[in-house]
């Protein structure tokens, strides 16, 4: 897991890592709220959720500094990583 977000590439990497964990996420959601649907247990420990929340907060900061819409960036990474870009056009291509 990436430990620091300093650039837009880091933001993209963080999104990729969340997707590789099998998470369908929204940037506004608190990672403490994610629950495994089968076990009903929290997806992340307190420490893991705290780290991910901290990293997501930094993603918002970096995107704001770079004048990049975090929602579009994260959605594009999701579409690319899952292969759904073959069905759903990337927002940047519209």
Protein backbone atom coordinates (compact mmCIF):
# COMPACT_ATOMS: atom_id res chain seq x y z
CA UNK A 1 0.00 0.00 0.00
CA UNK A 2 1.26 3.41 -0.96
CA UNK A 3 2.13 5.39 2.18
CA UNK A 4 2.23 8.94 0.87
CA UNK A 5 0.33 10.93 -1.74
CA UNK A 6 2.42 13.68 -3.32
CA UNK A 7 1.45 13.73 -7.00
CA UNK A 8 -1.44 12.94 -9.35
CA UNK A 9 0.37 9.72 -10.23
CA UNK A 10 0.24 8.80 -6.53
CA UNK A 11 -3.51 9.51 -6.53
CA UNK A 12 -3.93 7.17 -9.49
CA UNK A 13 -1.76 4.52 -7.83
CA UNK A 14 -3.84 4.71 -4.66
CA UNK A 15 -7.03 4.21 -6.68
CA UNK A 16 -5.46 1.21 -8.42
CA UNK A 17 -4.48 -0.30 -5.09
CA UNK A 18 -8.00 0.09 -3.71
CA UNK A 19 -9.41 -1.54 -6.82
CA UNK A 20 -6.90 -4.39 -6.55
CA UNK A 21 -8.21 -4.98 -3.01
CA UNK A 22 -11.59 -5.69 -4.61
CA UNK A 23 -13.11 -2.48 -3.34
CA UNK A 24 -15.80 -0.60 -5.20
CA UNK A 25 -15.25 2.74 -3.51
CA UNK A 26 -16.35 6.34 -3.61
CA UNK A 27 -13.86 9.07 -2.69
CA UNK A 28 -16.30 10.62 -0.18
CA UNK A 29 -16.81 7.42 1.82
CA UNK A 30 -15.13 6.75 5.15
CA UNK A 31 -13.11 3.53 5.00
CA UNK A 32 -14.38 2.64 8.48
CA UNK A 33 -17.81 2.15 6.88
CA UNK A 34 -16.83 -0.61 4.45
CA UNK A 35 -18.16 -4.02 5.48
CA UNK A 36 -17.59 -7.45 3.97
CA UNK A 37 -21.01 -8.46 2.67
CA UNK A 38 -20.43 -12.15 3.34
CA UNK A 39 -18.99 -11.98 6.84
CA UNK A 40 -20.58 -8.68 7.93
CA UNK A 41 -17.18 -7.83 9.42
CA UNK A 42 -15.40 -4.53 8.78
CA UNK A 43 -13.34 -4.65 5.60
CA UNK A 44 -10.50 -2.79 7.27
CA UNK A 45 -9.06 -2.66 10.77
CA UNK A 46 -9.08 0.69 12.57
CA UNK A 47 -5.48 1.26 11.54
CA UNK A 48 -6.04 0.26 7.90
CA UNK A 49 -9.15 2.42 7.59
CA UNK A 50 -7.39 5.36 9.24
CA UNK A 51 -4.47 5.12 6.83
CA UNK A 52 -6.78 4.95 3.81
CA UNK A 53 -8.83 7.92 5.05
CA UNK A 54 -5.63 9.93 5.52
CA UNK A 55 -4.43 9.02 2.04
CA UNK A 56 -7.79 9.88 0.48
CA UNK A 57 -7.76 13.27 2.22
CA UNK A 58 -4.36 13.89 0.66
CA UNK A 59 -5.75 12.81 -2.73
CA UNK A 60 -8.36 15.54 -2.42
CA UNK A 61 -5.66 18.09 -1.58
CA UNK A 62 -3.45 17.11 -4.52
CA UNK A 63 -6.35 17.10 -6.97
CA UNK A 64 -7.47 20.51 -5.76
CA UNK A 65 -3.93 21.89 -6.09
CA UNK A 66 -3.68 20.51 -9.62
CA UNK A 67 -7.21 21.62 -10.56
CA UNK A 68 -8.22 18.03 -11.32
CA UNK A 69 -11.64 16.61 -10.52
CA UNK A 70 -10.99 13.73 -8.13
CA UNK A 71 -14.25 12.00 -9.02
CA UNK A 72 -13.43 11.90 -12.73
CA UNK A 73 -9.86 10.79 -12.07
CA UNK A 74 -10.92 7.98 -9.73
CA UNK A 75 -13.71 6.84 -12.05
CA UNK A 76 -11.33 6.69 -14.99
CA UNK A 77 -8.87 4.60 -12.99
CA UNK A 78 -11.71 2.27 -11.99
CA UNK A 79 -12.87 1.89 -15.59
CA UNK A 80 -9.33 1.27 -16.85
CA UNK A 81 -8.39 -1.18 -14.10
CA UNK A 82 -11.57 -3.22 -14.42
CA UNK A 83 -11.66 -3.19 -18.21
CA UNK A 84 -15.03 -1.45 -18.18
CA UNK A 85 -13.55 1.28 -20.37
CA UNK A 86 -14.28 -1.10 -23.25
CA UNK A 87 -17.99 -0.66 -22.52
CA UNK A 88 -18.21 2.71 -20.78
CA UNK A 89 -16.41 5.64 -22.42
CA UNK A 90 -13.82 7.42 -20.33
CA UNK A 91 -14.98 10.89 -19.30
CA UNK A 92 -11.76 12.37 -20.67
CA UNK A 93 -12.64 11.03 -24.13
CA UNK A 94 -16.04 12.71 -24.24
